[in-house]
Protein backbone atom coordinates (compact mmCIF):
# COMPACT_ATOMS: atom_id res chain seq x y z
CA MET A 1 -5.03 -15.67 -4.83
CA LEU A 2 -7.80 -13.27 -4.23
CA ASP A 3 -10.33 -15.67 -5.64
CA TYR A 4 -9.01 -18.37 -3.31
CA LEU A 5 -9.12 -16.06 -0.33
CA ASN A 6 -12.76 -14.89 -1.14
CA GLY A 7 -13.87 -18.48 -1.01
CA HIS A 8 -11.84 -19.46 2.12
CA PRO A 9 -13.98 -20.18 5.20
CA SER A 10 -11.58 -18.23 7.41
CA VAL A 11 -12.06 -15.02 5.38
CA ALA A 12 -14.98 -12.83 5.78
CA PRO A 13 -16.77 -12.59 2.43
CA GLY A 14 -16.08 -9.37 0.61
CA GLU A 15 -13.41 -8.21 3.19
CA LEU A 16 -10.18 -8.41 1.27
CA GLY A 17 -7.12 -6.31 1.93
CA ALA A 18 -3.49 -6.41 0.87
CA ALA A 19 -0.16 -5.36 2.45
CA GLY A 20 3.39 -5.58 1.33
CA PHE A 21 6.89 -4.35 1.92
CA CYS A 22 9.37 -3.14 -0.67
CA ILE A 23 8.73 -4.97 -3.96
CA GLY A 24 5.90 -6.59 -2.07
CA GLY A 25 4.58 -2.97 -1.46
CA HIS A 26 4.43 -2.52 -5.20
CA LEU A 27 2.67 -6.01 -5.59
CA ALA A 28 0.17 -4.88 -2.87
CA PHE A 29 -0.48 -1.79 -5.10
CA ARG A 30 -1.12 -4.15 -7.96
CA ALA A 31 -3.55 -6.13 -5.86
CA ALA A 32 -5.43 -2.96 -5.17
CA LEU A 33 -6.20 -2.69 -8.93
CA GLN A 34 -8.65 -5.68 -8.25
CA PRO A 35 -12.18 -4.36 -7.47
CA ASP A 36 -12.67 -6.72 -4.55
CA VAL A 37 -9.71 -5.30 -2.49
CA LEU A 38 -11.15 -2.85 -0.08
CA ALA A 39 -7.90 -1.65 1.62
CA THR A 40 -4.19 -1.79 0.81
CA ALA A 41 -1.08 -0.92 2.73
CA CYS A 42 2.11 -0.37 0.74
CA PHE A 43 5.16 0.03 2.85
CA TYR A 44 8.15 1.63 1.07
CA ALA A 45 6.93 0.24 -2.21
CA THR A 46 9.70 0.29 -4.78
CA GLY A 47 9.05 0.99 -8.46
CA ILE A 48 5.60 2.49 -8.41
CA HIS A 49 6.93 5.96 -9.17
CA ASN A 50 9.07 4.88 -12.09
CA GLY A 51 7.24 1.68 -13.16
CA LYS A 52 10.07 -0.76 -12.40
CA LEU A 53 8.84 -4.08 -11.29
CA GLY A 54 11.19 -7.09 -11.46
CA SER A 55 12.70 -7.28 -15.02
CA ASP A 56 9.90 -5.17 -16.39
CA ALA A 57 11.20 -1.57 -17.07
CA ASP A 58 7.65 -0.18 -16.88
CA ALA A 59 4.91 -2.36 -15.52
CA GLY A 60 2.42 0.49 -15.89
CA SER A 61 1.11 0.26 -12.30
CA LEU A 62 0.79 4.04 -11.68
CA SER A 63 -1.03 4.47 -15.02
CA ARG A 64 -3.63 2.13 -13.94
CA ALA A 65 -4.42 3.94 -10.72
CA ALA A 66 -7.92 4.78 -11.77
CA GLU A 67 -8.77 1.06 -11.42
CA ILE A 68 -8.37 1.24 -7.66
CA ARG A 69 -11.71 1.18 -5.88
CA GLY A 70 -10.51 0.65 -2.28
CA GLU A 71 -8.41 2.80 0.05
CA LEU A 72 -4.59 3.02 -0.10
CA LEU A 73 -2.16 3.71 2.73
CA LEU A 74 1.39 4.43 1.33
CA VAL A 75 4.21 4.45 4.03
CA TRP A 76 7.54 5.92 3.14
CA GLY A 77 10.91 6.60 4.79
CA ALA A 78 11.95 10.24 4.05
CA LEU A 79 15.59 8.92 3.98
CA ASP A 80 14.90 6.17 1.44
CA PRO A 81 17.08 6.51 -1.66
CA HIS A 82 14.83 4.03 -3.59
CA ILE A 83 11.77 6.27 -3.46
CA PRO A 84 12.79 9.94 -3.41
CA GLU A 85 10.50 12.81 -2.50
CA GLU A 86 9.89 13.56 -6.23
CA GLY A 87 8.76 9.95 -6.69
CA ARG A 88 6.42 10.23 -3.69
CA LYS A 89 4.98 13.47 -5.16
CA ARG A 90 4.44 11.67 -8.57
CA ILE A 91 2.54 8.98 -6.85
CA ALA A 92 0.45 11.31 -4.87
CA GLU A 93 -0.37 13.50 -8.04
CA ALA A 94 -1.41 10.41 -10.03
CA LEU A 95 -3.54 9.03 -7.37
CA GLY A 96 -5.25 12.35 -6.68
CA ALA A 97 -5.80 12.76 -10.52
CA ALA A 98 -7.29 9.28 -10.58
CA GLY A 99 -9.67 10.04 -7.71
CA VAL A 100 -8.18 7.31 -5.44
CA LYS A 101 -8.80 7.68 -1.72
CA PHE A 102 -5.33 7.37 -0.20
CA GLU A 103 -3.03 8.57 2.63
CA GLN A 104 0.67 8.95 2.68
CA ARG A 105 2.77 8.75 5.86
CA VAL A 106 6.29 9.76 5.73
CA TYR A 107 8.67 8.86 8.50
CA ARG A 108 12.16 10.21 9.11
CA ALA A 109 13.53 6.66 8.44
CA GLU A 110 15.33 4.66 5.73
CA HIS A 111 14.18 2.03 3.36
CA ALA A 112 13.20 -1.10 5.15
CA PHE A 113 12.87 0.68 8.47
CA MET A 114 10.33 -1.94 9.72
CA ARG A 115 12.68 -4.88 9.29
CA ASP A 116 13.65 -5.60 12.96
CA GLU A 117 17.37 -6.35 12.29
CA GLY A 118 20.23 -4.18 10.98
CA PRO A 119 20.96 -0.55 11.25
CA ARG A 120 17.96 0.76 9.34
CA TYR A 121 15.44 -0.55 11.91
CA ASP A 122 13.39 2.21 13.51
CA PRO A 123 11.15 0.77 16.28
CA GLU A 124 9.19 4.03 16.85
CA ALA A 125 8.48 4.46 13.06
CA THR A 126 7.61 0.83 12.81
CA ASP A 127 5.06 1.01 15.62
CA ALA A 128 3.50 4.14 14.19
CA ALA A 129 3.39 2.72 10.65
CA PHE A 130 1.92 -0.56 11.89
CA ASN A 131 -0.74 1.36 13.73
CA ASP A 132 -1.54 3.33 10.58
CA MET A 133 -2.21 0.08 8.86
CA ILE A 134 -4.39 -1.20 11.69
CA MET A 135 -6.37 2.01 11.71
CA LEU A 136 -6.86 1.87 7.89
CA PHE A 137 -8.05 -1.80 7.95
CA GLY A 138 -10.22 -1.13 10.91
CA ARG A 139 -11.83 2.04 9.53
CA VAL A 140 -12.55 0.52 6.08
CA TYR A 141 -13.93 -2.77 7.26
CA SER A 142 -16.16 -1.05 9.79
CA SER A 143 -17.46 1.20 7.02
CA TYR A 144 -18.05 -1.93 4.81
CA GLN A 145 -19.86 -3.74 7.64
CA ASN A 146 -22.02 -0.62 8.22
CA ARG A 147 -22.98 -0.49 4.51
CA LEU A 148 -24.17 -4.13 4.69
CA SER A 149 -26.30 -3.47 7.70
């Protein structure tokens, strides 16, 4: 998919990013392992802290963190039972040890708080998290463009 996007006329060459929610957040983390991904936003990404991805008991995503060359934004809900505080700490420690440039944002919200239906939806946290992502992509791509100049 990344190769396809890199060659697509609608995509600025060399300016790839990824974003995902829940298991898609974990898959976005996996996309960040590719050297041509400059920025990645992972929203309440399940399974990174314990390795679970689909039927794989340990996909080894976190153990590969040193392969990440771009920047990461990790967005969590403090009330999310799927990614407890210990899991968030484990991820932060592993990313720090691997030298990954990353930010974590934790909102007083539940898992899937950005899904705009149901009782877990939190519009204020959603707006803030979405803004965090826009700021990440804007900052990273501005920096990339400045390096090209």
